[in-house]
């Protein structure tokens, strides 16, 4: 593997502003803003809009669509059969 072609990986804090959650992980991203983490060290912080703490899929607040109702609505609106072809 060639040396000096990969960006440096460092510990970074990602902060989810919507949920008020933060997590420390490694990343190549960098930021001028810094935050003091629970271990007393200062790390670069990157603010994100959505993470697993606020995304509906991971939090269980995802809305389940009523597929049967949608099919019935489609059939009522457009008919339940396929139009007959040239007989």
PDB file of N, CA and C in Angstrom:
ATOM      1  N   UNK A   1       0.839  -1.166   0.000  1.00  0.00           N
ATOM      2  CA  UNK A   1       0.000   0.000   0.000  1.00  0.00           C
ATOM      3  C   UNK A   1       0.892   1.238   0.000  1.00  0.00           C
ATOM      4  N   UNK A   2       0.548   2.203  -0.810  1.00  0.00           N
ATOM      5  CA  UNK A   2       1.343   3.420  -0.891  1.00  0.00           C
ATOM      6  C   UNK A   2       1.167   4.258   0.368  1.00  0.00           C
ATOM      7  N   UNK A   3       2.240   4.835   0.816  1.00  0.00           N
ATOM      8  CA  UNK A   3       2.158   5.679   2.008  1.00  0.00           C
ATOM      9  C   UNK A   3       1.796   7.108   1.597  1.00  0.00           C
ATOM     10  N   UNK A   4       1.187   7.822   2.507  1.00  0.00           N
ATOM     11  CA  UNK A   4       0.838   9.239   2.391  1.00  0.00           C
ATOM     12  C   UNK A   4      -0.214   9.546   1.325  1.00  0.00           C
ATOM     13  N   UNK A   5      -1.032   8.559   0.893  1.00  0.00           N
ATOM     14  CA  UNK A   5      -2.081   8.878  -0.071  1.00  0.00           C
ATOM     15  C   UNK A   5      -3.466   8.861   0.588  1.00  0.00           C
ATOM     16  N   UNK A   6      -3.552   8.319   1.805  1.00  0.00           N
ATOM     17  CA  UNK A   6      -4.825   8.256   2.498  1.00  0.00           C
ATOM     18  C   UNK A   6      -4.924   9.397   3.511  1.00  0.00           C
ATOM     19  N   UNK A   7      -6.110   9.979   3.665  1.00  0.00           N
ATOM     20  CA  UNK A   7      -6.248  11.061   4.644  1.00  0.00           C
ATOM     21  C   UNK A   7      -6.100  10.521   6.069  1.00  0.00           C
ATOM     22  N   UNK A   8      -5.687  11.384   6.961  1.00  0.00           N
ATOM     23  CA  UNK A   8      -5.478  10.979   8.356  1.00  0.00           C
ATOM     24  C   UNK A   8      -6.818  10.777   9.052  1.00  0.00           C
ATOM     25  N   UNK A   9      -6.928   9.686   9.776  1.00  0.00           N
ATOM     26  CA  UNK A   9      -8.128   9.384  10.546  1.00  0.00           C
ATOM     27  C   UNK A   9      -7.880   9.790  11.990  1.00  0.00           C
ATOM     28  N   UNK A  10      -8.860  10.475  12.593  1.00  0.00           N
ATOM     29  CA  UNK A  10      -8.701  10.969  13.958  1.00  0.00           C
ATOM     30  C   UNK A  10     -10.017  10.846  14.705  1.00  0.00           C
ATOM     31  N   UNK A  11     -10.010  10.891  16.031  1.00  0.00           N
ATOM     32  CA  UNK A  11     -11.264  10.883  16.786  1.00  0.00           C
ATOM     33  C   UNK A  11     -12.029  12.189  16.565  1.00  0.00           C
ATOM     34  N   UNK A  12     -13.331  12.073  16.301  1.00  0.00           N
ATOM     35  CA  UNK A  12     -14.190  13.231  16.052  1.00  0.00           C
ATOM     36  C   UNK A  12     -15.516  13.001  16.764  1.00  0.00           C
ATOM     37  N   UNK A  13     -16.097  14.054  17.309  1.00  0.00           N
ATOM     38  CA  UNK A  13     -17.413  13.977  17.930  1.00  0.00           C
ATOM     39  C   UNK A  13     -18.448  14.440  16.913  1.00  0.00           C
ATOM     40  N   UNK A  14     -19.445  13.590  16.661  1.00  0.00           N
ATOM     41  CA  UNK A  14     -20.582  13.966  15.817  1.00  0.00           C
ATOM     42  C   UNK A  14     -21.738  14.281  16.743  1.00  0.00           C
ATOM     43  N   UNK A  15     -22.329  15.472  16.577  1.00  0.00           N
ATOM     44  CA  UNK A  15     -23.400  15.925  17.460  1.00  0.00           C
ATOM     45  C   UNK A  15     -24.677  16.087  16.647  1.00  0.00           C
ATOM     46  N   UNK A  16     -25.716  15.379  17.066  1.00  0.00           N
ATOM     47  CA  UNK A  16     -27.025  15.453  16.422  1.00  0.00           C
ATOM     48  C   UNK A  16     -27.813  16.554  17.118  1.00  0.00           C
ATOM     49  N   UNK A  17     -28.031  17.664  16.441  1.00  0.00           N
ATOM     50  CA  UNK A  17     -28.715  18.811  17.036  1.00  0.00           C
ATOM     51  C   UNK A  17     -30.192  18.531  17.279  1.00  0.00           C
ATOM     52  N   UNK A  18     -30.826  17.711  16.459  1.00  0.00           N
ATOM     53  CA  UNK A  18     -32.258  17.444  16.608  1.00  0.00           C
ATOM     54  C   UNK A  18     -32.545  16.622  17.853  1.00  0.00           C
ATOM     55  N   UNK A  19     -31.688  15.665  18.167  1.00  0.00           N
ATOM     56  CA  UNK A  19     -31.932  14.773  19.303  1.00  0.00           C
ATOM     57  C   UNK A  19     -31.129  15.156  20.537  1.00  0.00           C
ATOM     58  N   UNK A  20     -30.165  16.036  20.369  1.00  0.00           N
ATOM     59  CA  UNK A  20     -29.325  16.405  21.499  1.00  0.00           C
ATOM     60  C   UNK A  20     -28.339  15.314  21.878  1.00  0.00           C
ATOM     61  N   UNK A  21     -28.053  14.419  20.963  1.00  0.00           N
ATOM     62  CA  UNK A  21     -27.140  13.303  21.223  1.00  0.00           C
ATOM     63  C   UNK A  21     -25.793  13.577  20.555  1.00  0.00           C
ATOM     64  N   UNK A  22     -24.758  12.972  21.105  1.00  0.00           N
ATOM     65  CA  UNK A  22     -23.421  13.091  20.520  1.00  0.00           C
ATOM     66  C   UNK A  22     -22.711  11.752  20.674  1.00  0.00           C
ATOM     67  N   UNK A  23     -21.837  11.451  19.718  1.00  0.00           N
ATOM     68  CA  UNK A  23     -21.062  10.217  19.813  1.00  0.00           C
ATOM     69  C   UNK A  23     -19.667  10.447  19.268  1.00  0.00           C
ATOM     70  N   UNK A  24     -18.720   9.758  19.863  1.00  0.00           N
ATOM     71  CA  UNK A  24     -17.312   9.868  19.504  1.00  0.00           C
ATOM     72  C   UNK A  24     -16.944   8.699  18.618  1.00  0.00           C
ATOM     73  N   UNK A  25     -16.355   8.987  17.475  1.00  0.00           N
ATOM     74  CA  UNK A  25     -15.932   7.951  16.547  1.00  0.00           C
ATOM     75  C   UNK A  25     -14.710   8.445  15.783  1.00  0.00           C
ATOM     76  N   UNK A  26     -14.165   7.622  14.939  1.00  0.00           N
ATOM     77  CA  UNK A  26     -13.029   8.038  14.119  1.00  0.00           C
ATOM     78  C   UNK A  26     -13.526   8.482  12.750  1.00  0.00           C
ATOM     79  N   UNK A  27     -12.905   9.516  12.204  1.00  0.00           N
ATOM     80  CA  UNK A  27     -13.307  10.036  10.911  1.00  0.00           C
ATOM     81  C   UNK A  27     -12.149  10.798  10.297  1.00  0.00           C
ATOM     82  N   UNK A  28     -12.227  10.987   8.987  1.00  0.00           N
ATOM     83  CA  UNK A  28     -11.241  11.817   8.301  1.00  0.00           C
ATOM     84  C   UNK A  28     -11.705  13.264   8.245  1.00  0.00           C
ATOM     85  N   UNK A  29     -12.963  13.513   8.614  1.00  0.00           N
ATOM     86  CA  UNK A  29     -13.500  14.872   8.617  1.00  0.00           C
ATOM     87  C   UNK A  29     -12.842  15.678   9.736  1.00  0.00           C
ATOM     88  N   UNK A  30     -12.735  16.983   9.524  1.00  0.00           N
ATOM     89  CA  UNK A  30     -12.132  17.856  10.519  1.00  0.00           C
ATOM     90  C   UNK A  30     -13.004  19.093  10.670  1.00  0.00           C
ATOM     91  N   UNK A  31     -12.861  19.765  11.782  1.00  0.00           N
ATOM     92  CA  UNK A  31     -13.657  20.953  12.048  1.00  0.00           C
ATOM     93  C   UNK A  31     -12.838  21.913  12.892  1.00  0.00           C
ATOM     94  N   UNK A  32     -13.141  23.203  12.762  1.00  0.00           N
ATOM     95  CA  UNK A  32     -12.481  24.213  13.587  1.00  0.00           C
ATOM     96  C   UNK A  32     -13.097  24.267  14.981  1.00  0.00           C
ATOM     97  N   UNK A  33     -14.355  23.877  15.100  1.00  0.00           N
ATOM     98  CA  UNK A  33     -15.022  23.867  16.400  1.00  0.00           C
ATOM     99  C   UNK A  33     -14.542  22.668  17.204  1.00  0.00           C
ATOM    100  N   UNK A  34     -14.424  22.870  18.515  1.00  0.00           N
ATOM    101  CA  UNK A  34     -13.980  21.789  19.383  1.00  0.00           C
ATOM    102  C   UNK A  34     -14.922  21.687  20.575  1.00  0.00           C
ATOM    103  N   UNK A  35     -14.977  20.485  21.161  1.00  0.00           N
ATOM    104  CA  UNK A  35     -15.800  20.231  22.332  1.00  0.00           C
ATOM    105  C   UNK A  35     -15.011  19.341  23.284  1.00  0.00           C
ATOM    106  N   UNK A  36     -15.235  19.536  24.577  1.00  0.00           N
ATOM    107  CA  UNK A  36     -14.597  18.679  25.569  1.00  0.00           C
ATOM    108  C   UNK A  36     -15.494  17.479  25.801  1.00  0.00           C
ATOM    109  N   UNK A  37     -14.943  16.297  25.606  1.00  0.00           N
ATOM    110  CA  UNK A  37     -15.709  15.055  25.726  1.00  0.00           C
ATOM    111  C   UNK A  37     -15.685  14.562  27.160  1.00  0.00           C
ATOM    112  N   UNK A  38     -16.383  13.481  27.428  1.00  0.00           N
ATOM    113  CA  UNK A  38     -16.526  12.925  28.775  1.00  0.00           C
ATOM    114  C   UNK A  38     -15.195  12.500  29.394  1.00  0.00           C
ATOM    115  N   UNK A  39     -14.221  12.186  28.556  1.00  0.00           N
ATOM    116  CA  UNK A  39     -12.917  11.760  29.072  1.00  0.00           C
ATOM    117  C   UNK A  39     -12.008  12.937  29.402  1.00  0.00           C
ATOM    118  N   UNK A  40     -12.488  14.171  29.205  1.00  0.00           N
ATOM    119  CA  UNK A  40     -11.715  15.363  29.525  1.00  0.00           C
ATOM    120  C   UNK A  40     -10.874  15.889  28.381  1.00  0.00           C
ATOM    121  N   UNK A  41     -10.811  15.174  27.280  1.00  0.00           N
ATOM    122  CA  UNK A  41     -10.028  15.614  26.117  1.00  0.00           C
ATOM    123  C   UNK A  41     -10.880  16.476  25.197  1.00  0.00           C
ATOM    124  N   UNK A  42     -10.232  17.279  24.401  1.00  0.00           N
ATOM    125  CA  UNK A  42     -10.910  18.150  23.449  1.00  0.00           C
ATOM    126  C   UNK A  42     -10.832  17.522  22.057  1.00  0.00           C
ATOM    127  N   UNK A  43     -11.992  17.423  21.395  1.00  0.00           N
ATOM    128  CA  UNK A  43     -12.071  16.817  20.067  1.00  0.00           C
ATOM    129  C   UNK A  43     -12.787  17.762  19.112  1.00  0.00           C
ATOM    130  N   UNK A  44     -12.498  17.656  17.798  1.00  0.00           N
ATOM    131  CA  UNK A  44     -13.279  18.411  16.822  1.00  0.00           C
ATOM    132  C   UNK A  44     -14.723  17.927  16.838  1.00  0.00           C
ATOM    133  N   UNK A  45     -15.677  18.835  16.651  1.00  0.00           N
ATOM    134  CA  UNK A  45     -17.091  18.471  16.670  1.00  0.00           C
ATOM    135  C   UNK A  45     -17.720  18.836  15.329  1.00  0.00           C
ATOM    136  N   UNK A  46     -18.532  17.914  14.808  1.00  0.00           N
ATOM    137  CA  UNK A  46     -19.248  18.140  13.555  1.00  0.00           C
ATOM    138  C   UNK A  46     -20.727  17.981  13.848  1.00  0.00           C
ATOM    139  N   UNK A  47     -21.512  19.026  13.538  1.00  0.00           N
ATOM    140  CA  UNK A  47     -22.953  18.989  13.762  1.00  0.00           C
ATOM    141  C   UNK A  47     -23.643  18.352  12.562  1.00  0.00           C
ATOM    142  N   UNK A  48     -24.551  17.409  12.835  1.00  0.00           N
ATOM    143  CA  UNK A  48     -25.303  16.731  11.789  1.00  0.00           C
ATOM    144  C   UNK A  48     -26.792  16.940  12.036  1.00  0.00           C
ATOM    145  N   UNK A  49     -27.585  16.863  10.976  1.00  0.00           N
ATOM    146  CA  UNK A  49     -29.025  17.054  11.088  1.00  0.00           C
ATOM    147  C   UNK A  49     -29.728  15.788  11.550  1.00  0.00           C
ATOM    148  N   UNK A  50     -29.254  14.645  11.102  1.00  0.00           N
ATOM    149  CA  UNK A  50     -29.916  13.379  11.410  1.00  0.00           C
ATOM    150  C   UNK A  50     -28.874  12.318  11.744  1.00  0.00           C
ATOM    151  N   UNK A  51     -29.148  11.557  12.783  1.00  0.00           N
ATOM    152  CA  UNK A  51     -28.314  10.403  13.126  1.00  0.00           C
ATOM    153  C   UNK A  51     -29.243   9.287  13.579  1.00  0.00           C
ATOM    154  N   UNK A  52     -28.680   8.199  14.046  1.00  0.00           N
ATOM    155  CA  UNK A  52     -29.520   7.094  14.498  1.00  0.00           C
ATOM    156  C   UNK A  52     -30.341   7.486  15.725  1.00  0.00           C
ATOM    157  N   UNK A  53     -29.955   8.548  16.417  1.00  0.00           N
ATOM    158  CA  UNK A  53     -30.703   8.990  17.594  1.00  0.00           C
ATOM    159  C   UNK A  53     -31.980   9.739  17.223  1.00  0.00           C
ATOM    160  N   UNK A  54     -32.052  10.290  15.995  1.00  0.00           N
ATOM    161  CA  UNK A  54     -33.238  11.064  15.628  1.00  0.00           C
ATOM    162  C   UNK A  54     -33.935  10.566  14.369  1.00  0.00           C
ATOM    163  N   UNK A  55     -33.347   9.612  13.656  1.00  0.00           N
ATOM    164  CA  UNK A  55     -33.967   9.129  12.420  1.00  0.00           C
ATOM    165  C   UNK A  55     -35.155   8.230  12.759  1.00  0.00           C
ATOM    166  N   UNK A  56     -36.315   8.441  12.115  1.00  0.00           N
ATOM    167  CA  UNK A  56     -37.516   7.665  12.435  1.00  0.00           C
ATOM    168  C   UNK A  56     -37.347   6.159  12.282  1.00  0.00           C
ATOM    169  N   UNK A  57     -36.521   5.698  11.374  1.00  0.00           N
ATOM    170  CA  UNK A  57     -36.325   4.261  11.189  1.00  0.00           C
ATOM    171  C   UNK A  57     -35.711   3.625  12.438  1.00  0.00           C
ATOM    172  N   UNK A  58     -34.731   4.291  13.025  1.00  0.00           N
ATOM    173  CA  UNK A  58     -34.034   3.740  14.184  1.00  0.00           C
ATOM    174  C   UNK A  58     -34.761   3.997  15.494  1.00  0.00           C
ATOM    175  N   UNK A  59     -35.562   5.058  15.568  1.00  0.00           N
ATOM    176  CA  UNK A  59     -36.252   5.388  16.821  1.00  0.00           C
ATOM    177  C   UNK A  59     -37.583   4.670  16.953  1.00  0.00           C
ATOM    178  N   UNK A  60     -38.073   4.061  15.869  1.00  0.00           N
ATOM    179  CA  UNK A  60     -39.333   3.332  15.923  1.00  0.00           C
ATOM    180  C   UNK A  60     -40.550   4.213  15.740  1.00  0.00           C
ATOM    181  N   UNK A  61     -40.367   5.463  15.347  1.00  0.00           N
ATOM    182  CA  UNK A  61     -41.496   6.368  15.139  1.00  0.00           C
ATOM    183  C   UNK A  61     -41.895   6.451  13.674  1.00  0.00           C
ATOM    184  N   UNK A  62     -41.386   5.526  12.889  1.00  0.00           N
ATOM    185  CA  UNK A  62     -41.690   5.499  11.462  1.00  0.00           C
ATOM    186  C   UNK A  62     -43.163   5.171  11.272  1.00  0.00           C
ATOM    187  N   UNK A  63     -43.806   5.845  10.338  1.00  0.00           N
ATOM    188  CA  UNK A  63     -45.210   5.594  10.055  1.00  0.00           C
ATOM    189  C   UNK A  63     -45.325   4.408   9.112  1.00  0.00           C
ATOM    190  N   UNK A  64     -46.213   3.493   9.441  1.00  0.00           N
ATOM    191  CA  UNK A  64     -46.444   2.327   8.599  1.00  0.00           C
ATOM    192  C   UNK A  64     -47.624   2.638   7.694  1.00  0.00           C
ATOM    193  N   UNK A  65     -47.408   2.478   6.411  1.00  0.00           N
ATOM    194  CA  UNK A  65     -48.472   2.754   5.453  1.00  0.00           C
ATOM    195  C   UNK A  65     -49.424   1.570   5.368  1.00  0.00           C
ATOM    196  N   UNK A  66     -50.692   1.858   5.237  1.00  0.00           N
ATOM    197  CA  UNK A  66     -51.712   0.826   5.097  1.00  0.00           C
ATOM    198  C   UNK A  66     -51.759   0.426   3.624  1.00  0.00           C
ATOM    199  N   UNK A  67     -51.021  -0.625   3.269  1.00  0.00           N
ATOM    200  CA  UNK A  67     -50.921  -1.032   1.869  1.00  0.00           C
ATOM    201  C   UNK A  67     -52.253  -1.518   1.328  1.00  0.00           C
ATOM    202  N   UNK A  68     -53.021  -2.263   2.119  1.00  0.00           N
ATOM    203  CA  UNK A  68     -54.309  -2.766   1.636  1.00  0.00           C
ATOM    204  C   UNK A  68     -55.234  -1.602   1.320  1.00  0.00           C
ATOM    205  N   UNK A  69     -55.262  -0.609   2.175  1.00  0.00           N
ATOM    206  CA  UNK A  69     -56.103   0.562   1.938  1.00  0.00           C
ATOM    207  C   UNK A  69     -55.694   1.319   0.694  1.00  0.00           C
ATOM    208  N   UNK A  70     -54.423   1.388   0.427  1.00  0.00           N
ATOM    209  CA  UNK A  70     -53.946   2.107  -0.760  1.00  0.00           C
ATOM    210  C   UNK A  70     -54.338   1.374  -2.033  1.00  0.00           C
ATOM    211  N   UNK A  71     -54.279   0.050  -2.004  1.00  0.00           N
ATOM    212  CA  UNK A  71     -54.655  -0.731  -3.190  1.00  0.00           C
ATOM    213  C   UNK A  71     -56.147  -0.587  -3.459  1.00  0.00           C
ATOM    214  N   UNK A  72     -56.954  -0.657  -2.400  1.00  0.00           N
ATOM    215  CA  UNK A  72     -58.405  -0.485  -2.565  1.00  0.00           C
ATOM    216  C   UNK A  72     -58.724   0.900  -3.086  1.00  0.00           C
ATOM    217  N   UNK A  73     -58.038   1.903  -2.595  1.00  0.00           N
ATOM    218  CA  UNK A  73     -58.263   3.269  -3.069  1.00  0.00           C
ATOM    219  C   UNK A  73     -57.900   3.378  -4.548  1.00  0.00           C
ATOM    220  N   UNK A  74     -56.804   2.764  -4.957  1.00  0.00           N
ATOM    221  CA  UNK A  74     -56.410   2.787  -6.360  1.00  0.00           C
ATOM    222  C   UNK A  74     -57.474   2.113  -7.226  1.00  0.00           C
ATOM    223  N   UNK A  75     -57.954   0.949  -6.780  1.00  0.00           N
ATOM    224  CA  UNK A  75     -58.969   0.229  -7.551  1.00  0.00           C
ATOM    225  C   UNK A  75     -60.267   1.009  -7.641  1.00  0.00           C
ATOM    226  N   UNK A  76     -60.677   1.697  -6.584  1.00  0.00           N
ATOM    227  CA  UNK A  76     -61.884   2.526  -6.631  1.00  0.00           C
ATOM    228  C   UNK A  76     -61.719   3.682  -7.605  1.00  0.00           C
ATOM    229  N   UNK A  77     -60.545   4.260  -7.608  1.00  0.00           N
ATOM    230  CA  UNK A  77     -60.306   5.437  -8.427  1.00  0.00           C
ATOM    231  C   UNK A  77     -60.141   5.075  -9.908  1.00  0.00           C
ATOM    232  N   UNK A  78     -59.393   4.031 -10.205  1.00  0.00           N
ATOM    233  CA  UNK A  78     -59.033   3.722 -11.587  1.00  0.00           C
ATOM    234  C   UNK A  78     -59.652   2.439 -12.102  1.00  0.00           C
ATOM    235  N   UNK A  79     -60.431   1.761 -11.314  1.00  0.00           N
ATOM    236  CA  UNK A  79     -61.038   0.501 -11.748  1.00  0.00           C
ATOM    237  C   UNK A  79     -60.189  -0.663 -11.318  1.00  0.00           C
ATOM    238  N   UNK A  80     -60.845  -1.801 -11.160  1.00  0.00           N
ATOM    239  CA  UNK A  80     -60.117  -2.943 -10.620  1.00  0.00           C
ATOM    240  C   UNK A  80     -59.582  -3.862 -11.709  1.00  0.00           C
ATOM    241  N   UNK A  81     -59.998  -3.676 -12.944  1.00  0.00           N
ATOM    242  CA  UNK A  81     -59.558  -4.586 -14.003  1.00  0.00           C
ATOM    243  C   UNK A  81     -58.644  -3.898 -14.985  1.00  0.00           C
ATOM    244  N   UNK A  82     -58.002  -4.716 -15.754  1.00  0.00           N
ATOM    245  CA  UNK A  82     -57.149  -4.213 -16.825  1.00  0.00           C
ATOM    246  C   UNK A  82     -58.036  -4.031 -18.040  1.00  0.00           C
ATOM    247  N   UNK A  83     -57.905  -2.923 -18.763  1.00  0.00           N
ATOM    248  CA  UNK A  83     -58.761  -2.714 -19.935  1.00  0.00           C
ATOM    249  C   UNK A  83     -58.585  -3.836 -20.947  1.00  0.00           C
ATOM    250  N   UNK A  84     -59.686  -4.212 -21.553  1.00  0.00           N
ATOM    251  CA  UNK A  84     -59.669  -5.292 -22.558  1.00  0.00           C
ATOM    252  C   UNK A  84     -58.886  -4.835 -23.773  1.00  0.00           C
ATOM    253  N   UNK A  85     -58.101  -5.751 -24.320  1.00  0.00           N
ATOM    254  CA  UNK A  85     -57.327  -5.432 -25.510  1.00  0.00           C
ATOM    255  C   UNK A  85     -58.168  -5.774 -26.737  1.00  0.00           C
ATOM    256  N   UNK A  86     -57.822  -5.283 -27.859  1.00  0.00           N
ATOM    257  CA  UNK A  86     -58.606  -5.387 -29.103  1.00  0.00           C
ATOM    258  C   UNK A  86     -59.081  -6.771 -29.435  1.00  0.00           C
ATOM    259  N   UNK A  87     -60.271  -7.105 -29.024  1.00  0.00           N
ATOM    260  CA  UNK A  87     -60.867  -8.393 -29.400  1.00  0.00           C
ATOM    261  C   UNK A  87     -61.767  -8.218 -30.579  1.00  0.00           C
TER     262      UNK A  87
END
